[in-house]
Amino acid sequence: MPELVFFSGTMDCGKSTLALQIEHNRSARGLLGMIFTRDDRAGEGKLSSRLGLVTDAVEAADGFDFYAYIVDRLSQGGRCDYVIADEAQFLAPGQIDQLARVVDDLDLDVFAFGITTDFRTELFPGSRRLVELADRVEVLQVEALCWCGARATHNARTVGGQMVVEGAQVVVGDVHQSADEVGYEVLCRRHHRRRMTSGSVRAGALSPDVLPVASD
């Protein structure tokens, strides 16, 4: 039976790499898929991995209708054996409903890849809907690591290496950004709670053994 599968994890755990691997394996067997993404680090209409792999994709912007797009392609004689949707956390809940309909009404496998929670540890709306609707939720086994060496479980937004906890939920950036740029870092829960990034530790702003204390 076709499935809606949600592959989830923190940043830097290989989600996009796995998406590209699934595309490679299936296309090598003569299958033809449709690839969608949203706000990829490589730019509009791209699905990219930090390993340097990249492929073209359809940009699923606000208001994009997955079901209507795929039905239109099939109606014009196009072919689709499966669907890949990367950066699915940025999709609207209604778009996730459309992906579920693709599985149920068109009998196509849909593989969605995304981050579960944002930099404030709150669920992305798209990820929440995927957890609610997916036939399977797969947590990726490639563990991203916090700077302390523990398993990273949280995504932190940084500006100049310092963690921030306010701002818009979606701000496009990447890990290992240069100073003063909006970037992201994966942390264990302990250091996310203490707002201790690798940059703040290197700068001596915080000691790994001392809790941050707010000044008056």
N, C-alpha and C. Protein backbone atom coordinates (compact mmCIF):
# COMPACT_ATOMS: atom_id res chain seq x y z
N MET A 1 0.84 -1.20 0.00
CA MET A 1 0.00 0.00 0.00
C MET A 1 0.88 1.25 0.00
N PRO A 2 0.52 2.25 -0.80
CA PRO A 2 1.26 3.51 -0.77
C PRO A 2 1.20 4.14 0.62
N GLU A 3 2.24 4.90 0.97
CA GLU A 3 2.33 5.49 2.31
C GLU A 3 2.75 6.94 2.24
N LEU A 4 2.34 7.68 3.25
CA LEU A 4 2.89 9.00 3.54
C LEU A 4 3.88 8.80 4.67
N VAL A 5 5.16 9.01 4.38
CA VAL A 5 6.22 8.77 5.36
C VAL A 5 6.90 10.09 5.68
N PHE A 6 7.02 10.38 6.97
CA PHE A 6 7.68 11.60 7.43
C PHE A 6 9.03 11.24 8.03
N PHE A 7 10.10 11.67 7.38
CA PHE A 7 11.45 11.49 7.88
C PHE A 7 11.85 12.77 8.60
N SER A 8 12.17 12.65 9.89
CA SER A 8 12.38 13.83 10.70
C SER A 8 13.66 13.73 11.52
N GLY A 9 14.15 14.88 11.93
CA GLY A 9 15.33 14.96 12.78
C GLY A 9 15.74 16.40 12.93
N THR A 10 16.84 16.64 13.60
CA THR A 10 17.36 18.00 13.73
C THR A 10 18.04 18.42 12.43
N MET A 11 18.45 19.66 12.37
CA MET A 11 19.31 20.08 11.27
C MET A 11 20.60 19.27 11.32
N ASP A 12 21.22 19.10 10.16
CA ASP A 12 22.54 18.48 10.07
C ASP A 12 22.53 16.98 10.33
N CYS A 13 21.35 16.34 10.19
CA CYS A 13 21.29 14.89 10.43
C CYS A 13 21.09 14.10 9.14
N GLY A 14 21.16 14.77 7.99
CA GLY A 14 21.15 14.04 6.73
C GLY A 14 19.80 13.85 6.07
N LYS A 15 18.81 14.69 6.40
CA LYS A 15 17.48 14.53 5.79
C LYS A 15 17.52 14.70 4.28
N SER A 16 18.12 15.79 3.82
CA SER A 16 18.16 16.05 2.38
C SER A 16 19.04 15.03 1.66
N THR A 17 20.09 14.57 2.33
CA THR A 17 20.93 13.53 1.74
C THR A 17 20.12 12.26 1.52
N LEU A 18 19.29 11.90 2.49
CA LEU A 18 18.44 10.72 2.35
C LEU A 18 17.42 10.92 1.24
N ALA A 19 16.85 12.12 1.14
CA ALA A 19 15.90 12.40 0.07
C ALA A 19 16.55 12.18 -1.29
N LEU A 20 17.76 12.67 -1.45
CA LEU A 20 18.48 12.49 -2.70
C LEU A 20 18.84 11.02 -2.94
N GLN A 21 19.13 10.29 -1.88
CA GLN A 21 19.45 8.87 -2.01
C GLN A 21 18.22 8.08 -2.46
N ILE A 22 17.06 8.40 -1.87
CA ILE A 22 15.82 7.74 -2.29
C ILE A 22 15.53 8.03 -3.76
N GLU A 23 15.72 9.27 -4.17
CA GLU A 23 15.54 9.64 -5.57
C GLU A 23 16.49 8.85 -6.47
N HIS A 24 17.74 8.74 -6.07
CA HIS A 24 18.73 8.00 -6.88
C HIS A 24 18.35 6.53 -6.99
N ASN A 25 18.03 5.91 -5.87
CA ASN A 25 17.72 4.48 -5.87
C ASN A 25 16.51 4.16 -6.74
N ARG A 26 15.48 4.99 -6.65
CA ARG A 26 14.25 4.71 -7.39
C ARG A 26 14.40 5.04 -8.88
N SER A 27 15.08 6.13 -9.17
CA SER A 27 15.28 6.45 -10.59
C SER A 27 16.18 5.43 -11.27
N ALA A 28 17.12 4.83 -10.51
CA ALA A 28 18.00 3.79 -11.07
C ALA A 28 17.22 2.53 -11.42
N ARG A 29 16.03 2.38 -10.85
CA ARG A 29 15.18 1.23 -11.15
C ARG A 29 14.10 1.57 -12.18
N GLY A 30 14.27 2.72 -12.84
CA GLY A 30 13.37 3.09 -13.91
C GLY A 30 12.12 3.82 -13.46
N LEU A 31 12.04 4.19 -12.18
CA LEU A 31 10.89 4.94 -11.68
C LEU A 31 11.12 6.43 -11.87
N LEU A 32 10.03 7.15 -11.97
CA LEU A 32 10.10 8.60 -12.18
C LEU A 32 9.31 9.31 -11.09
N GLY A 33 9.98 10.16 -10.36
CA GLY A 33 9.33 10.86 -9.26
C GLY A 33 9.20 12.34 -9.51
N MET A 34 8.39 12.98 -8.68
CA MET A 34 8.29 14.44 -8.66
C MET A 34 8.90 14.93 -7.36
N ILE A 35 9.78 15.91 -7.46
CA ILE A 35 10.51 16.42 -6.30
C ILE A 35 10.07 17.85 -6.02
N PHE A 36 9.72 18.09 -4.76
CA PHE A 36 9.29 19.42 -4.33
C PHE A 36 10.15 19.86 -3.15
N THR A 37 10.30 21.16 -3.02
CA THR A 37 11.02 21.70 -1.86
C THR A 37 10.49 23.08 -1.54
N ARG A 38 10.98 23.62 -0.43
CA ARG A 38 10.55 24.96 0.00
C ARG A 38 11.70 25.62 0.74
N ASP A 39 12.16 26.76 0.25
CA ASP A 39 13.18 27.57 0.93
C ASP A 39 14.46 26.78 1.18
N ASP A 40 14.94 26.07 0.17
CA ASP A 40 16.19 25.33 0.32
C ASP A 40 17.37 26.30 0.39
N ARG A 41 18.42 25.89 1.09
CA ARG A 41 19.61 26.74 1.27
C ARG A 41 20.28 27.08 -0.06
N ALA A 42 20.08 26.25 -1.08
CA ALA A 42 20.73 26.46 -2.38
C ALA A 42 19.93 27.41 -3.28
N GLY A 43 18.74 27.81 -2.83
CA GLY A 43 17.94 28.74 -3.62
C GLY A 43 16.66 28.12 -4.13
N GLU A 44 15.87 28.92 -4.82
CA GLU A 44 14.55 28.49 -5.28
C GLU A 44 14.66 27.34 -6.28
N GLY A 45 13.79 26.35 -6.10
CA GLY A 45 13.73 25.24 -7.05
C GLY A 45 14.90 24.29 -6.97
N LYS A 46 15.52 24.18 -5.80
CA LYS A 46 16.65 23.27 -5.62
C LYS A 46 16.45 22.42 -4.38
N LEU A 47 16.88 21.18 -4.44
CA LEU A 47 16.99 20.32 -3.27
C LEU A 47 18.47 19.99 -3.11
N SER A 48 19.04 20.43 -2.00
CA SER A 48 20.49 20.30 -1.84
C SER A 48 20.84 19.65 -0.51
N SER A 49 22.00 19.01 -0.50
CA SER A 49 22.56 18.41 0.70
C SER A 49 23.84 19.13 1.07
N ARG A 50 24.16 19.12 2.37
CA ARG A 50 25.42 19.74 2.81
C ARG A 50 26.64 18.98 2.31
N LEU A 51 26.43 17.79 1.78
CA LEU A 51 27.54 17.03 1.19
C LEU A 51 27.89 17.54 -0.20
N GLY A 52 27.09 18.48 -0.71
CA GLY A 52 27.38 19.06 -2.01
C GLY A 52 26.49 18.55 -3.13
N LEU A 53 25.59 17.62 -2.84
CA LEU A 53 24.69 17.09 -3.85
C LEU A 53 23.51 18.04 -4.03
N VAL A 54 23.03 18.16 -5.26
CA VAL A 54 21.92 19.05 -5.54
C VAL A 54 21.16 18.56 -6.75
N THR A 55 19.87 18.78 -6.77
CA THR A 55 19.03 18.45 -7.92
C THR A 55 17.94 19.49 -8.06
N ASP A 56 17.35 19.55 -9.23
CA ASP A 56 16.25 20.49 -9.46
C ASP A 56 14.98 19.99 -8.77
N ALA A 57 14.16 20.92 -8.36
CA ALA A 57 12.90 20.59 -7.70
C ALA A 57 11.88 21.67 -8.00
N VAL A 58 10.63 21.36 -7.75
CA VAL A 58 9.55 22.34 -7.89
C VAL A 58 9.40 23.08 -6.56
N GLU A 59 9.44 24.41 -6.61
CA GLU A 59 9.31 25.22 -5.40
C GLU A 59 7.85 25.27 -4.97
N ALA A 60 7.57 24.79 -3.77
CA ALA A 60 6.20 24.77 -3.24
C ALA A 60 5.97 26.00 -2.38
N ALA A 61 5.65 27.10 -3.00
CA ALA A 61 5.46 28.37 -2.30
C ALA A 61 4.10 28.40 -1.61
N ASP A 62 3.82 29.50 -0.92
CA ASP A 62 2.50 29.69 -0.30
C ASP A 62 1.42 29.55 -1.35
N GLY A 63 0.37 28.79 -1.04
CA GLY A 63 -0.73 28.64 -1.97
C GLY A 63 -0.53 27.54 -3.00
N PHE A 64 0.65 26.93 -3.04
CA PHE A 64 0.89 25.85 -3.99
C PHE A 64 0.02 24.65 -3.64
N ASP A 65 -0.61 24.05 -4.66
CA ASP A 65 -1.50 22.90 -4.44
C ASP A 65 -0.83 21.65 -5.00
N PHE A 66 -0.32 20.80 -4.12
CA PHE A 66 0.37 19.59 -4.56
C PHE A 66 -0.55 18.68 -5.37
N TYR A 67 -1.74 18.46 -4.85
CA TYR A 67 -2.66 17.53 -5.51
C TYR A 67 -3.03 18.01 -6.91
N ALA A 68 -3.39 19.28 -7.03
CA ALA A 68 -3.78 19.82 -8.33
C ALA A 68 -2.60 19.79 -9.30
N TYR A 69 -1.40 20.09 -8.82
CA TYR A 69 -0.22 20.10 -9.68
C TYR A 69 0.05 18.70 -10.24
N ILE A 70 0.01 17.70 -9.38
CA ILE A 70 0.31 16.34 -9.82
C ILE A 70 -0.79 15.81 -10.74
N VAL A 71 -2.06 16.06 -10.40
CA VAL A 71 -3.16 15.64 -11.27
C VAL A 71 -3.04 16.28 -12.64
N ASP A 72 -2.67 17.57 -12.68
CA ASP A 72 -2.51 18.27 -13.96
C ASP A 72 -1.41 17.62 -14.79
N ARG A 73 -0.29 17.30 -14.15
CA ARG A 73 0.80 16.66 -14.89
C ARG A 73 0.38 15.30 -15.42
N LEU A 74 -0.31 14.52 -14.62
CA LEU A 74 -0.77 13.20 -15.05
C LEU A 74 -1.81 13.31 -16.17
N SER A 75 -2.66 14.31 -16.08
CA SER A 75 -3.71 14.50 -17.09
C SER A 75 -3.12 14.88 -18.44
N GLN A 76 -1.94 15.48 -18.42
CA GLN A 76 -1.27 15.86 -19.66
C GLN A 76 -0.35 14.76 -20.18
N GLY A 77 -0.47 13.58 -19.62
CA GLY A 77 0.33 12.46 -20.08
C GLY A 77 1.65 12.29 -19.37
N GLY A 78 1.89 13.09 -18.33
CA GLY A 78 3.11 12.95 -17.56
C GLY A 78 3.07 11.70 -16.69
N ARG A 79 4.19 11.39 -16.13
CA ARG A 79 4.31 10.18 -15.32
C ARG A 79 4.81 10.55 -13.93
N CYS A 80 4.30 9.88 -12.93
CA CYS A 80 4.77 10.07 -11.55
C CYS A 80 4.60 8.76 -10.80
N ASP A 81 5.70 8.22 -10.30
CA ASP A 81 5.66 6.96 -9.55
C ASP A 81 5.77 7.18 -8.04
N TYR A 82 6.25 8.35 -7.62
CA TYR A 82 6.41 8.67 -6.21
C TYR A 82 6.65 10.16 -6.08
N VAL A 83 6.54 10.67 -4.86
CA VAL A 83 6.71 12.09 -4.59
C VAL A 83 7.68 12.27 -3.44
N ILE A 84 8.59 13.23 -3.58
CA ILE A 84 9.52 13.62 -2.52
C ILE A 84 9.26 15.09 -2.19
N ALA A 85 9.05 15.39 -0.92
CA ALA A 85 8.83 16.77 -0.47
C ALA A 85 9.84 17.08 0.63
N ASP A 86 10.84 17.91 0.30
CA ASP A 86 11.85 18.28 1.28
C ASP A 86 11.49 19.61 1.94
N GLU A 87 12.10 19.88 3.08
CA GLU A 87 11.81 21.08 3.88
C GLU A 87 10.31 21.17 4.18
N ALA A 88 9.72 20.02 4.49
CA ALA A 88 8.27 19.95 4.68
C ALA A 88 7.79 20.71 5.90
N GLN A 89 8.70 21.05 6.82
CA GLN A 89 8.28 21.82 7.99
C GLN A 89 7.75 23.19 7.60
N PHE A 90 8.17 23.71 6.45
CA PHE A 90 7.75 25.03 6.01
C PHE A 90 6.39 25.02 5.31
N LEU A 91 5.83 23.85 5.06
CA LEU A 91 4.56 23.77 4.35
C LEU A 91 3.40 24.09 5.29
N ALA A 92 2.31 24.56 4.71
CA ALA A 92 1.10 24.81 5.49
C ALA A 92 0.39 23.50 5.78
N PRO A 93 -0.36 23.43 6.88
CA PRO A 93 -1.10 22.20 7.19
C PRO A 93 -1.99 21.74 6.04
N GLY A 94 -2.61 22.68 5.33
CA GLY A 94 -3.45 22.30 4.20
C GLY A 94 -2.65 21.62 3.10
N GLN A 95 -1.40 22.03 2.92
CA GLN A 95 -0.56 21.38 1.91
C GLN A 95 -0.20 19.96 2.32
N ILE A 96 -0.05 19.72 3.61
CA ILE A 96 0.18 18.35 4.08
C ILE A 96 -1.05 17.50 3.81
N ASP A 97 -2.24 18.08 3.98
CA ASP A 97 -3.47 17.36 3.64
C ASP A 97 -3.48 16.98 2.16
N GLN A 98 -2.98 17.87 1.32
CA GLN A 98 -2.91 17.57 -0.12
C GLN A 98 -1.97 16.39 -0.38
N LEU A 99 -0.85 16.34 0.32
CA LEU A 99 0.08 15.22 0.14
C LEU A 99 -0.57 13.91 0.58
N ALA A 100 -1.33 13.95 1.67
CA ALA A 100 -2.04 12.75 2.11
C ALA A 100 -3.06 12.31 1.06
N ARG A 101 -3.69 13.26 0.41
CA ARG A 101 -4.66 12.94 -0.64
C ARG A 101 -3.96 12.32 -1.85
N VAL A 102 -2.76 12.77 -2.14
CA VAL A 102 -1.98 12.16 -3.23
C VAL A 102 -1.77 10.67 -2.96
N VAL A 103 -1.48 10.33 -1.71
CA VAL A 103 -1.30 8.93 -1.34
C VAL A 103 -2.62 8.16 -1.49
N ASP A 104 -3.68 8.69 -0.93
CA ASP A 104 -4.95 7.97 -0.85
C ASP A 104 -5.69 7.89 -2.17
N ASP A 105 -5.68 8.99 -2.94
CA ASP A 105 -6.48 9.04 -4.17
C ASP A 105 -5.69 8.68 -5.42
N LEU A 106 -4.37 8.92 -5.42
CA LEU A 106 -3.57 8.64 -6.60
C LEU A 106 -2.66 7.43 -6.43
N ASP A 107 -2.70 6.83 -5.24
CA ASP A 107 -1.92 5.61 -4.96
C ASP A 107 -0.42 5.81 -5.21
N LEU A 108 0.10 6.93 -4.73
CA LEU A 108 1.53 7.23 -4.86
C LEU A 108 2.17 7.31 -3.48
N ASP A 109 3.38 6.78 -3.36
CA ASP A 109 4.16 6.98 -2.14
C ASP A 109 4.60 8.43 -2.06
N VAL A 110 4.49 9.01 -0.87
CA VAL A 110 4.99 10.37 -0.62
C VAL A 110 5.99 10.31 0.51
N PHE A 111 7.20 10.79 0.25
CA PHE A 111 8.27 10.83 1.24
C PHE A 111 8.52 12.29 1.60
N ALA A 112 8.19 12.66 2.83
CA ALA A 112 8.36 14.04 3.29
C ALA A 112 9.52 14.10 4.27
N PHE A 113 10.31 15.15 4.16
CA PHE A 113 11.50 15.32 5.00
C PHE A 113 11.45 16.68 5.65
N GLY A 114 11.69 16.73 6.97
CA GLY A 114 11.65 18.02 7.63
C GLY A 114 12.09 17.99 9.08
N ILE A 115 12.29 19.18 9.61
CA ILE A 115 12.61 19.38 11.01
C ILE A 115 11.31 19.39 11.80
N THR A 116 11.31 18.80 12.96
CA THR A 116 10.08 18.74 13.75
C THR A 116 9.81 20.05 14.48
N THR A 117 10.80 20.59 15.19
CA THR A 117 10.60 21.78 16.01
C THR A 117 11.50 22.92 15.56
N ASP A 118 11.09 24.14 15.88
CA ASP A 118 11.85 25.32 15.48
C ASP A 118 12.87 25.70 16.55
N PHE A 119 13.48 26.88 16.41
CA PHE A 119 14.54 27.32 17.32
C PHE A 119 14.01 27.63 18.72
N ARG A 120 12.69 27.70 18.85
CA ARG A 120 12.08 27.93 20.17
C ARG A 120 11.56 26.64 20.78
N THR A 121 11.87 25.51 20.15
CA THR A 121 11.42 24.17 20.53
C THR A 121 9.92 23.99 20.34
N GLU A 122 9.32 24.78 19.47
CA GLU A 122 7.90 24.66 19.17
C GLU A 122 7.72 23.96 17.82
N LEU A 123 6.67 23.17 17.70
CA LEU A 123 6.41 22.43 16.47
C LEU A 123 6.14 23.37 15.31
N PHE A 124 6.75 23.08 14.16
CA PHE A 124 6.35 23.74 12.93
C PHE A 124 4.95 23.26 12.57
N PRO A 125 4.08 24.13 12.04
CA PRO A 125 2.74 23.69 11.67
C PRO A 125 2.73 22.53 10.68
N GLY A 126 3.62 22.58 9.68
CA GLY A 126 3.69 21.50 8.71
C GLY A 126 4.11 20.18 9.34
N SER A 127 5.07 20.24 10.24
CA SER A 127 5.54 19.03 10.91
C SER A 127 4.46 18.48 11.83
N ARG A 128 3.75 19.36 12.52
CA ARG A 128 2.67 18.90 13.39
C ARG A 128 1.63 18.12 12.58
N ARG A 129 1.26 18.65 11.42
CA ARG A 129 0.26 17.99 10.60
C ARG A 129 0.78 16.66 10.05
N LEU A 130 2.05 16.60 9.74
CA LEU A 130 2.63 15.35 9.27
C LEU A 130 2.59 14.28 10.36
N VAL A 131 2.90 14.67 11.59
CA VAL A 131 2.83 13.71 12.70
C VAL A 131 1.39 13.21 12.86
N GLU A 132 0.44 14.09 12.62
CA GLU A 132 -0.97 13.72 12.77
C GLU A 132 -1.44 12.77 11.65
N LEU A 133 -0.90 12.95 10.43
CA LEU A 133 -1.44 12.23 9.28
C LEU A 133 -0.56 11.12 8.73
N ALA A 134 0.72 11.15 8.99
CA ALA A 134 1.64 10.21 8.34
C ALA A 134 1.33 8.76 8.70
N ASP A 135 1.52 7.87 7.73
CA ASP A 135 1.44 6.44 8.00
C ASP A 135 2.61 5.99 8.87
N ARG A 136 3.76 6.62 8.65
CA ARG A 136 4.95 6.31 9.45
C ARG A 136 5.73 7.60 9.69
N VAL A 137 6.29 7.72 10.88
CA VAL A 137 7.23 8.79 11.20
C VAL A 137 8.56 8.13 11.51
N GLU A 138 9.57 8.45 10.72
CA GLU A 138 10.90 7.85 10.88
C GLU A 138 11.87 8.91 11.40
N VAL A 139 12.43 8.67 12.58
CA VAL A 139 13.47 9.55 13.12
C VAL A 139 14.81 9.08 12.57
N LEU A 140 15.51 9.96 11.90
CA LEU A 140 16.75 9.56 11.25
C LEU A 140 17.79 9.10 12.27
N GLN A 141 18.50 8.05 11.90
CA GLN A 141 19.43 7.42 12.82
C GLN A 141 20.83 8.05 12.79
N VAL A 142 21.09 8.91 11.81
CA VAL A 142 22.38 9.62 11.79
C VAL A 142 22.28 10.75 12.79
N GLU A 143 22.99 10.61 13.90
CA GLU A 143 22.85 11.58 14.98
C GLU A 143 23.72 12.81 14.76
N ALA A 144 23.08 13.97 14.78
CA ALA A 144 23.83 15.21 14.84
C ALA A 144 24.32 15.39 16.28
N LEU A 145 25.46 16.04 16.45
CA LEU A 145 26.06 16.17 17.77
C LEU A 145 26.13 17.62 18.21
N CYS A 146 25.83 17.83 19.48
CA CYS A 146 26.05 19.13 20.11
C CYS A 146 27.56 19.37 20.22
N TRP A 147 27.94 20.62 20.45
CA TRP A 147 29.37 20.94 20.59
C TRP A 147 30.01 20.19 21.74
N CYS A 148 29.20 19.77 22.72
CA CYS A 148 29.75 19.06 23.88
C CYS A 148 29.95 17.57 23.61
N GLY A 149 29.47 17.10 22.45
CA GLY A 149 29.61 15.69 22.10
C GLY A 149 28.37 14.86 22.35
N ALA A 150 27.39 15.42 23.06
CA ALA A 150 26.14 14.70 23.31
C ALA A 150 25.26 14.75 22.06
N ARG A 151 24.27 13.86 22.03
CA ARG A 151 23.35 13.83 20.90
C ARG A 151 22.57 15.14 20.84
N ALA A 152 22.55 15.76 19.67
CA ALA A 152 21.82 17.01 19.49
C ALA A 152 20.34 16.71 19.27
N THR A 153 19.49 17.39 20.01
CA THR A 153 18.05 17.18 19.92
C THR A 153 17.29 18.47 19.61
N HIS A 154 17.96 19.61 19.64
CA HIS A 154 17.29 20.90 19.46
C HIS A 154 18.03 21.76 18.44
N ASN A 155 17.25 22.60 17.75
CA ASN A 155 17.81 23.53 16.79
C ASN A 155 17.87 24.92 17.42
N ALA A 156 19.01 25.56 17.33
CA ALA A 156 19.17 26.90 17.90
C ALA A 156 19.45 27.89 16.77
N ARG A 157 18.83 29.06 16.86
CA ARG A 157 19.14 30.14 15.92
C ARG A 157 20.19 31.03 16.55
N THR A 158 21.18 31.43 15.77
CA THR A 158 22.26 32.27 16.28
C THR A 158 22.43 33.51 15.42
N VAL A 159 22.91 34.56 16.06
CA VAL A 159 23.34 35.77 15.36
C VAL A 159 24.72 36.10 15.90
N GLY A 160 25.69 36.05 15.06
CA GLY A 160 27.06 36.27 15.51
C GLY A 160 27.52 35.25 16.54
N GLY A 161 27.00 34.05 16.44
CA GLY A 161 27.39 32.98 17.36
C GLY A 161 26.60 32.95 18.65
N GLN A 162 25.76 33.96 18.88
CA GLN A 162 24.97 34.03 20.11
C GLN A 162 23.55 33.55 19.84
N MET A 163 23.04 32.72 20.71
CA MET A 163 21.71 32.15 20.53
C MET A 163 20.63 33.20 20.78
N VAL A 164 19.60 33.20 19.91
CA VAL A 164 18.45 34.08 20.07
C VAL A 164 17.19 33.23 20.19
N VAL A 165 16.21 33.73 20.92
CA VAL A 165 14.98 32.94 21.16
C VAL A 165 13.73 33.71 20.75
N GLU A 166 13.90 34.82 20.05
CA GLU A 166 12.76 35.59 19.57
C GLU A 166 12.94 35.86 18.09
N GLY A 167 11.80 36.08 17.43
CA GLY A 167 11.84 36.38 16.01
C GLY A 167 10.87 35.52 15.24
N ALA A 168 10.80 35.74 13.92
CA ALA A 168 9.91 34.98 13.06
C ALA A 168 10.29 33.50 13.09
N GLN A 169 9.27 32.65 12.94
CA GLN A 169 9.55 31.22 12.99
C GLN A 169 10.42 30.78 11.83
N VAL A 170 10.22 31.36 10.65
CA VAL A 170 10.98 30.95 9.47
C VAL A 170 11.92 32.08 9.06
N VAL A 171 13.21 31.85 9.21
CA VAL A 171 14.25 32.72 8.69
C VAL A 171 15.28 31.79 8.06
N VAL A 172 15.46 31.89 6.75
CA VAL A 172 16.33 30.96 6.06
C VAL A 172 17.78 31.22 6.44
N GLY A 173 18.47 30.18 6.82
CA GLY A 173 19.89 30.24 7.16
C GLY A 173 20.44 28.83 7.14
N ASP A 174 21.66 28.67 7.63
CA ASP A 174 22.27 27.35 7.61
C ASP A 174 23.23 27.24 8.79
N VAL A 175 23.70 26.03 9.03
CA VAL A 175 24.71 25.85 10.05
C VAL A 175 26.03 26.41 9.53
N HIS A 176 26.91 26.78 10.46
CA HIS A 176 28.26 27.26 10.12
C HIS A 176 28.23 28.58 9.34
N GLN A 177 27.28 29.46 9.65
CA GLN A 177 27.28 30.77 9.02
C GLN A 177 28.37 31.64 9.66
N SER A 178 28.83 32.65 8.92
CA SER A 178 29.87 33.52 9.43
C SER A 178 29.28 34.51 10.44
N ALA A 179 30.16 35.24 11.12
CA ALA A 179 29.74 36.17 12.16
C ALA A 179 28.75 37.19 11.62
N ASP A 180 27.80 37.55 12.49
CA ASP A 180 26.78 38.55 12.22
C ASP A 180 25.68 38.07 11.27
N GLU A 181 25.82 36.88 10.71
CA GLU A 181 24.76 36.33 9.88
C GLU A 181 23.82 35.49 10.74
N VAL A 182 22.56 35.38 10.28
CA VAL A 182 21.63 34.47 10.94
C VAL A 182 22.06 33.05 10.59
N GLY A 183 22.31 32.27 11.61
CA GLY A 183 22.72 30.89 11.40
C GLY A 183 21.98 29.97 12.35
N TYR A 184 22.31 28.70 12.27
CA TYR A 184 21.67 27.70 13.12
C TYR A 184 22.72 26.74 13.64
N GLU A 185 22.45 26.22 14.81
CA GLU A 185 23.36 25.25 15.43
C GLU A 185 22.51 24.22 16.16
N VAL A 186 22.93 22.97 16.09
CA VAL A 186 22.20 21.93 16.80
C VAL A 186 22.83 21.75 18.18
N LEU A 187 21.97 21.62 19.19
CA LEU A 187 22.42 21.53 20.58
C LEU A 187 21.69 20.40 21.29
N CYS A 188 22.28 19.90 22.35
CA CYS A 188 21.55 19.01 23.25
C CYS A 188 20.56 19.86 24.06
N ARG A 189 19.59 19.22 24.70
CA ARG A 189 18.58 19.98 25.44
C ARG A 189 19.21 20.83 26.54
N ARG A 190 20.19 20.28 27.24
CA ARG A 190 20.81 21.01 28.35
C ARG A 190 21.39 22.34 27.88
N HIS A 191 22.15 22.31 26.80
CA HIS A 191 22.81 23.54 26.36
C HIS A 191 21.86 24.45 25.59
N HIS A 192 20.78 23.89 25.03
CA HIS A 192 19.76 24.76 24.45
C HIS A 192 19.06 25.54 25.57
N ARG A 193 18.74 24.87 26.67
CA ARG A 193 18.11 25.55 27.80
C ARG A 193 19.02 26.62 28.38
N ARG A 194 20.30 26.37 28.39
CA ARG A 194 21.26 27.32 28.96
C ARG A 194 21.74 28.34 27.93
N ARG A 195 21.27 28.20 26.69
CA ARG A 195 21.65 29.10 25.60
C ARG A 195 23.17 29.12 25.40
N MET A 196 23.75 27.97 25.45
CA MET A 196 25.20 27.84 25.33
C MET A 196 25.56 27.25 23.97
N THR A 197 25.95 28.11 23.03
CA THR A 197 26.38 27.66 21.72
C THR A 197 27.89 27.48 21.71
N SER A 198 28.38 26.85 20.66
CA SER A 198 29.83 26.69 20.55
C SER A 198 30.52 28.04 20.46
N GLY A 199 29.85 29.02 19.81
CA GLY A 199 30.45 30.35 19.70
C GLY A 199 30.54 31.05 21.03
N SER A 200 29.50 30.95 21.85
CA SER A 200 29.54 31.62 23.15
C SER A 200 30.56 30.99 24.07
N VAL A 201 30.74 29.68 23.95
CA VAL A 201 31.75 29.01 24.79
C VAL A 201 33.15 29.41 24.35
N ARG A 202 33.37 29.41 23.03
CA ARG A 202 34.70 29.79 22.52
C ARG A 202 35.05 31.21 22.91
N ALA A 203 34.06 32.07 22.91
CA ALA A 203 34.31 33.48 23.24
C ALA A 203 34.47 33.71 24.73
N GLY A 204 34.25 32.68 25.51
CA GLY A 204 34.41 32.82 26.95
C GLY A 204 33.23 33.51 27.61
N ALA A 205 32.11 33.69 26.83
CA ALA A 205 30.95 34.35 27.41
C ALA A 205 30.31 33.51 28.49
N LEU A 206 30.40 32.20 28.33
CA LEU A 206 29.82 31.29 29.30
C LEU A 206 30.78 30.13 29.53
N SER A 207 30.87 29.65 30.74
CA SER A 207 31.62 28.45 31.04
C SER A 207 30.70 27.25 30.94
N PRO A 208 31.16 26.09 30.43
CA PRO A 208 30.30 24.91 30.34
C PRO A 208 29.75 24.47 31.69
N ASP A 209 30.39 24.92 32.79
CA ASP A 209 29.98 24.47 34.12
C ASP A 209 29.15 25.48 34.87
N VAL A 210 28.85 26.61 34.21
CA VAL A 210 28.15 27.68 34.92
C VAL A 210 26.86 28.01 34.18
N LEU A 211 25.78 28.10 34.91
CA LEU A 211 24.52 28.49 34.34
C LEU A 211 24.53 29.98 34.07
N PRO A 212 23.88 30.42 32.94
CA PRO A 212 23.82 31.86 32.66
C PRO A 212 22.96 32.57 33.71
N VAL A 213 23.40 33.75 34.09
CA VAL A 213 22.67 34.54 35.09
C VAL A 213 22.31 35.87 34.45
N ALA A 214 21.04 36.21 34.48
CA ALA A 214 20.60 37.48 33.89
C ALA A 214 21.09 38.64 34.74
N SER A 215 21.61 39.67 34.09
CA SER A 215 22.06 40.86 34.82
C SER A 215 20.91 41.82 34.97
N ASP A 216 20.96 42.66 35.99
CA ASP A 216 19.91 43.64 36.23
C ASP A 216 20.03 44.81 35.23
